[in-house]
N, C-alpha and C. Protein backbone atom coordinates (compact mmCIF):
# COMPACT_ATOMS: atom_id res chain seq x y z
N UNK A 1 248.05 -41.99 -61.56
CA UNK A 1 247.19 -43.07 -61.13
C UNK A 1 245.74 -42.62 -61.25
N UNK A 2 244.92 -43.38 -61.96
CA UNK A 2 243.52 -43.07 -62.15
C UNK A 2 242.70 -43.62 -61.00
N UNK A 3 241.83 -42.78 -60.47
CA UNK A 3 240.92 -43.20 -59.41
C UNK A 3 239.67 -43.79 -60.05
N UNK A 4 239.04 -44.71 -59.36
CA UNK A 4 237.89 -45.39 -59.96
C UNK A 4 236.59 -44.60 -59.82
N UNK A 5 236.48 -43.72 -58.83
CA UNK A 5 235.23 -43.00 -58.61
C UNK A 5 235.47 -41.49 -58.58
N UNK A 6 235.24 -40.81 -59.70
CA UNK A 6 235.49 -39.38 -59.74
C UNK A 6 234.27 -38.53 -59.37
N UNK A 7 233.25 -39.10 -58.75
CA UNK A 7 231.99 -38.38 -58.52
C UNK A 7 232.18 -37.08 -57.74
N UNK A 8 233.13 -37.04 -56.82
CA UNK A 8 233.35 -35.80 -56.06
C UNK A 8 233.87 -34.67 -56.95
N UNK A 9 234.45 -35.01 -58.07
CA UNK A 9 235.00 -34.00 -58.98
C UNK A 9 233.91 -33.23 -59.72
N UNK A 10 232.73 -33.81 -59.81
CA UNK A 10 231.63 -33.15 -60.52
C UNK A 10 231.15 -31.91 -59.79
N UNK A 11 231.58 -31.74 -58.54
CA UNK A 11 231.20 -30.56 -57.77
C UNK A 11 232.22 -29.44 -57.83
N UNK A 12 233.32 -29.67 -58.53
CA UNK A 12 234.33 -28.62 -58.68
C UNK A 12 233.72 -27.43 -59.44
N UNK A 13 233.94 -26.21 -58.95
CA UNK A 13 233.40 -25.04 -59.64
C UNK A 13 233.83 -24.95 -61.11
N UNK A 14 235.08 -25.30 -61.40
CA UNK A 14 235.55 -25.22 -62.78
C UNK A 14 234.84 -26.25 -63.66
N UNK A 15 234.57 -27.41 -63.11
CA UNK A 15 233.86 -28.44 -63.86
C UNK A 15 232.42 -28.00 -64.13
N UNK A 16 231.77 -27.45 -63.12
CA UNK A 16 230.39 -26.96 -63.29
C UNK A 16 230.33 -25.86 -64.35
N UNK A 17 231.31 -24.94 -64.31
CA UNK A 17 231.34 -23.84 -65.28
C UNK A 17 231.58 -24.39 -66.69
N UNK A 18 232.42 -25.41 -66.81
CA UNK A 18 232.67 -26.03 -68.12
C UNK A 18 231.38 -26.62 -68.67
N UNK A 19 230.58 -27.23 -67.81
CA UNK A 19 229.30 -27.81 -68.26
C UNK A 19 228.33 -26.70 -68.68
N UNK A 20 228.33 -25.58 -67.97
CA UNK A 20 227.48 -24.44 -68.35
C UNK A 20 227.90 -23.89 -69.71
N UNK A 21 229.20 -23.78 -69.92
CA UNK A 21 229.72 -23.27 -71.20
C UNK A 21 229.34 -24.22 -72.33
N UNK A 22 229.39 -25.50 -72.05
CA UNK A 22 229.00 -26.50 -73.06
C UNK A 22 227.54 -26.29 -73.48
N UNK A 23 226.67 -26.15 -72.52
CA UNK A 23 225.25 -25.96 -72.81
C UNK A 23 225.01 -24.65 -73.57
N UNK A 24 225.64 -23.59 -73.13
CA UNK A 24 225.50 -22.29 -73.79
C UNK A 24 226.03 -22.35 -75.22
N UNK A 25 227.16 -23.00 -75.42
CA UNK A 25 227.74 -23.13 -76.77
C UNK A 25 226.80 -23.87 -77.71
N UNK A 26 226.18 -24.92 -77.22
CA UNK A 26 225.22 -25.68 -78.04
C UNK A 26 224.05 -24.80 -78.45
N UNK A 27 223.55 -24.03 -77.51
CA UNK A 27 222.39 -23.18 -77.82
C UNK A 27 222.75 -22.08 -78.82
N UNK A 28 223.89 -21.46 -78.61
CA UNK A 28 224.33 -20.40 -79.53
C UNK A 28 224.58 -20.97 -80.92
N UNK A 29 225.21 -22.13 -80.97
CA UNK A 29 225.49 -22.78 -82.25
C UNK A 29 224.19 -23.06 -83.00
N UNK A 30 223.19 -23.57 -82.31
CA UNK A 30 221.91 -23.85 -82.95
C UNK A 30 221.30 -22.58 -83.53
N UNK A 31 221.37 -21.52 -82.77
CA UNK A 31 220.80 -20.26 -83.22
C UNK A 31 221.55 -19.72 -84.43
N UNK A 32 222.87 -19.74 -84.36
CA UNK A 32 223.69 -19.23 -85.48
C UNK A 32 223.56 -20.12 -86.71
N UNK A 33 223.44 -21.42 -86.51
CA UNK A 33 223.32 -22.33 -87.65
C UNK A 33 222.13 -21.97 -88.52
N UNK A 34 221.05 -21.57 -87.90
CA UNK A 34 219.86 -21.19 -88.66
C UNK A 34 220.18 -20.04 -89.61
N UNK A 35 220.89 -19.03 -89.11
CA UNK A 35 221.24 -17.87 -89.94
C UNK A 35 222.31 -18.19 -90.98
N UNK A 36 223.24 -19.06 -90.62
CA UNK A 36 224.38 -19.31 -91.50
C UNK A 36 224.17 -20.47 -92.47
N UNK A 37 223.07 -21.19 -92.31
CA UNK A 37 222.86 -22.36 -93.16
C UNK A 37 222.34 -22.01 -94.55
N UNK A 38 221.87 -20.80 -94.72
CA UNK A 38 221.37 -20.40 -96.04
C UNK A 38 222.53 -20.34 -97.04
N UNK A 39 222.26 -20.75 -98.25
CA UNK A 39 223.28 -20.71 -99.30
C UNK A 39 223.52 -19.27 -99.74
N UNK A 40 224.72 -19.02 -100.20
CA UNK A 40 225.05 -17.70 -100.73
C UNK A 40 224.34 -17.51 -102.06
N UNK A 41 224.39 -16.29 -102.59
CA UNK A 41 223.73 -15.99 -103.85
C UNK A 41 224.25 -16.86 -105.00
N UNK A 42 225.52 -17.26 -104.92
CA UNK A 42 226.10 -18.10 -105.98
C UNK A 42 225.83 -19.59 -105.76
N UNK A 43 225.06 -19.93 -104.73
CA UNK A 43 224.71 -21.33 -104.47
C UNK A 43 225.69 -22.08 -103.58
N UNK A 44 226.78 -21.42 -103.19
CA UNK A 44 227.76 -22.09 -102.32
C UNK A 44 227.37 -21.92 -100.85
N UNK A 45 227.93 -22.79 -100.02
CA UNK A 45 227.62 -22.70 -98.60
C UNK A 45 228.50 -21.66 -97.92
N UNK A 46 228.01 -21.16 -96.83
CA UNK A 46 228.75 -20.20 -96.03
C UNK A 46 229.76 -20.98 -95.18
N UNK A 47 231.04 -20.79 -95.45
CA UNK A 47 232.09 -21.52 -94.74
C UNK A 47 232.13 -21.17 -93.25
N UNK A 48 231.58 -20.03 -92.88
CA UNK A 48 231.60 -19.60 -91.49
C UNK A 48 230.72 -20.49 -90.59
N UNK A 49 229.84 -21.26 -91.21
CA UNK A 49 228.98 -22.15 -90.43
C UNK A 49 229.81 -23.15 -89.61
N UNK A 50 231.00 -23.46 -90.10
CA UNK A 50 231.85 -24.43 -89.40
C UNK A 50 232.38 -23.88 -88.08
N UNK A 51 232.43 -22.58 -87.93
CA UNK A 51 232.87 -21.99 -86.67
C UNK A 51 231.88 -22.31 -85.54
N UNK A 52 230.62 -22.44 -85.89
CA UNK A 52 229.64 -22.78 -84.85
C UNK A 52 229.89 -24.19 -84.34
N UNK A 53 230.31 -25.06 -85.22
CA UNK A 53 230.67 -26.42 -84.80
C UNK A 53 231.95 -26.42 -83.97
N UNK A 54 232.83 -25.47 -84.27
CA UNK A 54 234.08 -25.38 -83.52
C UNK A 54 233.83 -25.07 -82.05
N UNK A 55 232.93 -24.10 -81.78
CA UNK A 55 232.70 -23.76 -80.37
C UNK A 55 232.03 -24.93 -79.64
N UNK A 56 231.19 -25.68 -80.35
CA UNK A 56 230.56 -26.85 -79.73
C UNK A 56 231.62 -27.90 -79.42
N UNK A 57 232.44 -28.20 -80.40
CA UNK A 57 233.48 -29.22 -80.21
C UNK A 57 234.44 -28.81 -79.10
N UNK A 58 234.85 -27.56 -79.09
CA UNK A 58 235.77 -27.08 -78.07
C UNK A 58 235.13 -27.14 -76.69
N UNK A 59 233.87 -26.74 -76.60
CA UNK A 59 233.19 -26.75 -75.30
C UNK A 59 232.97 -28.18 -74.80
N UNK A 60 232.79 -29.11 -75.72
CA UNK A 60 232.62 -30.52 -75.36
C UNK A 60 233.89 -31.08 -74.72
N UNK A 61 235.03 -30.52 -75.06
CA UNK A 61 236.31 -31.04 -74.58
C UNK A 61 236.73 -30.51 -73.21
N UNK A 62 236.15 -29.41 -72.78
CA UNK A 62 236.59 -28.80 -71.53
C UNK A 62 236.43 -29.71 -70.31
N UNK A 63 235.21 -30.14 -70.03
CA UNK A 63 234.95 -30.93 -68.82
C UNK A 63 235.75 -32.24 -68.80
N UNK A 64 235.80 -33.00 -69.90
CA UNK A 64 236.61 -34.23 -69.86
C UNK A 64 238.10 -33.97 -69.58
N UNK A 65 238.63 -32.88 -70.10
CA UNK A 65 240.04 -32.57 -69.85
C UNK A 65 240.27 -32.19 -68.40
N UNK A 66 239.30 -31.53 -67.80
CA UNK A 66 239.40 -31.18 -66.37
C UNK A 66 239.44 -32.47 -65.55
N UNK A 67 238.56 -33.39 -65.87
CA UNK A 67 238.55 -34.68 -65.14
C UNK A 67 239.87 -35.42 -65.34
N UNK A 68 240.39 -35.42 -66.56
CA UNK A 68 241.66 -36.10 -66.82
C UNK A 68 242.78 -35.48 -66.00
N UNK A 69 242.79 -34.16 -65.89
CA UNK A 69 243.82 -33.49 -65.11
C UNK A 69 243.71 -33.86 -63.63
N UNK A 70 242.49 -33.94 -63.15
CA UNK A 70 242.26 -34.27 -61.74
C UNK A 70 242.60 -35.73 -61.44
N UNK A 71 242.37 -36.60 -62.39
CA UNK A 71 242.50 -38.04 -62.14
C UNK A 71 243.86 -38.62 -62.51
N UNK A 72 244.62 -37.92 -63.33
CA UNK A 72 245.88 -38.48 -63.81
C UNK A 72 247.04 -37.65 -63.27
N UNK A 73 247.58 -38.04 -62.14
CA UNK A 73 248.62 -37.24 -61.48
C UNK A 73 249.88 -37.10 -62.33
N UNK A 74 250.15 -38.08 -63.16
CA UNK A 74 251.37 -38.03 -63.97
C UNK A 74 251.28 -37.05 -65.13
N UNK A 75 250.08 -36.84 -65.64
CA UNK A 75 249.91 -35.96 -66.80
C UNK A 75 248.96 -34.80 -66.51
N UNK A 76 248.79 -34.46 -65.24
CA UNK A 76 247.82 -33.43 -64.89
C UNK A 76 248.13 -32.08 -65.54
N UNK A 77 249.42 -31.74 -65.64
CA UNK A 77 249.77 -30.45 -66.22
C UNK A 77 249.57 -30.43 -67.74
N UNK A 78 249.70 -31.57 -68.37
CA UNK A 78 249.43 -31.67 -69.81
C UNK A 78 247.94 -31.39 -70.06
N UNK A 79 247.09 -32.01 -69.26
CA UNK A 79 245.64 -31.82 -69.42
C UNK A 79 245.23 -30.40 -69.02
N UNK A 80 245.88 -29.85 -67.99
CA UNK A 80 245.58 -28.48 -67.58
C UNK A 80 245.96 -27.51 -68.70
N UNK A 81 247.07 -27.75 -69.36
CA UNK A 81 247.48 -26.90 -70.49
C UNK A 81 246.51 -27.05 -71.66
N UNK A 82 245.98 -28.25 -71.84
CA UNK A 82 244.99 -28.46 -72.89
C UNK A 82 243.73 -27.65 -72.60
N UNK A 83 243.30 -27.63 -71.35
CA UNK A 83 242.14 -26.81 -70.95
C UNK A 83 242.42 -25.35 -71.26
N UNK A 84 243.62 -24.90 -70.95
CA UNK A 84 244.01 -23.52 -71.22
C UNK A 84 243.96 -23.23 -72.72
N UNK A 85 244.48 -24.15 -73.53
CA UNK A 85 244.50 -23.99 -74.98
C UNK A 85 243.06 -23.96 -75.54
N UNK A 86 242.21 -24.86 -75.06
CA UNK A 86 240.82 -24.91 -75.54
C UNK A 86 240.12 -23.59 -75.23
N UNK A 87 240.34 -23.08 -74.04
CA UNK A 87 239.72 -21.81 -73.63
C UNK A 87 240.16 -20.67 -74.55
N UNK A 88 241.45 -20.64 -74.86
CA UNK A 88 241.97 -19.62 -75.77
C UNK A 88 241.34 -19.76 -77.15
N UNK A 89 241.24 -20.99 -77.65
CA UNK A 89 240.64 -21.24 -78.97
C UNK A 89 239.16 -20.81 -78.98
N UNK A 90 238.46 -21.13 -77.91
CA UNK A 90 237.05 -20.73 -77.85
C UNK A 90 236.90 -19.22 -77.89
N UNK A 91 237.74 -18.53 -77.17
CA UNK A 91 237.69 -17.07 -77.17
C UNK A 91 237.96 -16.52 -78.56
N UNK A 92 238.95 -17.08 -79.25
CA UNK A 92 239.25 -16.64 -80.62
C UNK A 92 238.10 -16.93 -81.57
N UNK A 93 237.49 -18.09 -81.41
CA UNK A 93 236.34 -18.44 -82.26
C UNK A 93 235.19 -17.48 -82.00
N UNK A 94 234.96 -17.13 -80.75
CA UNK A 94 233.90 -16.17 -80.41
C UNK A 94 234.16 -14.82 -81.07
N UNK A 95 235.40 -14.38 -81.07
CA UNK A 95 235.73 -13.11 -81.73
C UNK A 95 235.36 -13.15 -83.20
N UNK A 96 235.63 -14.27 -83.83
CA UNK A 96 235.29 -14.40 -85.26
C UNK A 96 233.78 -14.46 -85.45
N UNK A 97 233.07 -15.14 -84.56
CA UNK A 97 231.62 -15.25 -84.69
C UNK A 97 230.92 -13.91 -84.46
N UNK A 98 231.53 -13.04 -83.67
CA UNK A 98 230.93 -11.72 -83.41
C UNK A 98 230.88 -10.85 -84.66
N UNK A 99 231.65 -11.19 -85.67
CA UNK A 99 231.71 -10.39 -86.90
C UNK A 99 230.58 -10.73 -87.87
N UNK A 100 229.82 -11.77 -87.59
CA UNK A 100 228.76 -12.20 -88.50
C UNK A 100 227.59 -11.23 -88.48
N UNK A 101 226.91 -11.14 -89.61
CA UNK A 101 225.69 -10.36 -89.67
C UNK A 101 224.53 -11.30 -89.35
N UNK A 102 224.43 -11.63 -88.09
CA UNK A 102 223.41 -12.55 -87.62
C UNK A 102 222.90 -12.06 -86.29
N UNK A 103 221.62 -12.27 -86.05
CA UNK A 103 221.07 -11.90 -84.75
C UNK A 103 221.71 -12.72 -83.63
N UNK A 104 222.17 -13.91 -83.98
CA UNK A 104 222.77 -14.80 -83.00
C UNK A 104 224.07 -14.28 -82.43
N UNK A 105 224.71 -13.38 -83.16
CA UNK A 105 225.99 -12.86 -82.65
C UNK A 105 225.80 -12.06 -81.37
N UNK A 106 224.57 -11.63 -81.10
CA UNK A 106 224.29 -10.90 -79.86
C UNK A 106 224.50 -11.77 -78.62
N UNK A 107 224.48 -13.08 -78.80
CA UNK A 107 224.67 -14.00 -77.68
C UNK A 107 226.13 -14.33 -77.42
N UNK A 108 226.99 -14.02 -78.37
CA UNK A 108 228.41 -14.33 -78.23
C UNK A 108 229.04 -13.61 -77.04
N UNK A 109 228.71 -12.33 -76.79
CA UNK A 109 229.29 -11.67 -75.61
C UNK A 109 228.93 -12.39 -74.29
N UNK A 110 227.79 -13.04 -74.25
CA UNK A 110 227.41 -13.80 -73.06
C UNK A 110 228.37 -14.98 -72.88
N UNK A 111 228.64 -15.67 -73.98
CA UNK A 111 229.58 -16.79 -73.93
C UNK A 111 230.98 -16.29 -73.56
N UNK A 112 231.39 -15.18 -74.12
CA UNK A 112 232.72 -14.64 -73.79
C UNK A 112 232.79 -14.24 -72.32
N UNK A 113 231.70 -13.74 -71.78
CA UNK A 113 231.66 -13.39 -70.35
C UNK A 113 231.81 -14.65 -69.49
N UNK A 114 231.15 -15.72 -69.90
CA UNK A 114 231.26 -16.99 -69.17
C UNK A 114 232.68 -17.56 -69.29
N UNK A 115 233.29 -17.39 -70.46
CA UNK A 115 234.68 -17.84 -70.64
C UNK A 115 235.62 -17.04 -69.74
N UNK A 116 235.33 -15.77 -69.56
CA UNK A 116 236.15 -14.94 -68.68
C UNK A 116 236.04 -15.44 -67.23
N UNK A 117 234.85 -15.78 -66.81
CA UNK A 117 234.65 -16.35 -65.47
C UNK A 117 235.37 -17.68 -65.36
N UNK A 118 235.30 -18.46 -66.43
CA UNK A 118 235.96 -19.76 -66.46
C UNK A 118 237.47 -19.59 -66.30
N UNK A 119 238.04 -18.61 -67.00
CA UNK A 119 239.49 -18.39 -66.93
C UNK A 119 239.93 -18.02 -65.51
N UNK A 120 239.09 -17.27 -64.80
CA UNK A 120 239.42 -16.94 -63.41
C UNK A 120 239.44 -18.20 -62.56
N UNK A 121 238.44 -19.05 -62.74
CA UNK A 121 238.41 -20.32 -62.02
C UNK A 121 239.61 -21.19 -62.43
N UNK A 122 239.93 -21.14 -63.68
CA UNK A 122 241.02 -21.95 -64.23
C UNK A 122 242.36 -21.59 -63.60
N UNK A 123 242.59 -20.30 -63.43
CA UNK A 123 243.87 -19.88 -62.83
C UNK A 123 244.06 -20.45 -61.43
N UNK A 124 243.03 -20.34 -60.60
CA UNK A 124 243.17 -20.87 -59.24
C UNK A 124 243.20 -22.41 -59.24
N UNK A 125 242.44 -23.01 -60.15
CA UNK A 125 242.43 -24.47 -60.26
C UNK A 125 243.82 -24.98 -60.63
N UNK A 126 244.46 -24.32 -61.58
CA UNK A 126 245.79 -24.77 -62.03
C UNK A 126 246.82 -24.64 -60.91
N UNK A 127 246.68 -23.61 -60.09
CA UNK A 127 247.60 -23.45 -58.97
C UNK A 127 247.43 -24.54 -57.91
N UNK A 128 246.21 -25.06 -57.81
CA UNK A 128 245.90 -26.08 -56.80
C UNK A 128 246.05 -27.51 -57.30
N UNK A 129 246.37 -27.68 -58.56
CA UNK A 129 246.52 -29.06 -59.08
C UNK A 129 247.69 -29.76 -58.44
């Protein structure tokens, strides 16, 4: 059953952390895009640039999935599992981004640290759903 007013959910620590991760992902992506947008010597684009979009897209999905889990009692565990999957994907994407020869990769450990904090919040949140 969906509730009409989810405003109290915006104060959940996991929701707040998801919003922080979203903002951080956008900033890191912008920084990395500058380095990765240059064409290769053969004139082709660097395919790794799409990974920066992946972390943005994944981070955009976290907070809405948390709200869906909180608001939809019938499918809360499906949405909670989706949050878990997104977090795992983001961590894997960060590992790949750390391999780039870009100054922006220095910011990836910060995002991974925030994801680690998020996972701790996530574990207790999932137990309380």
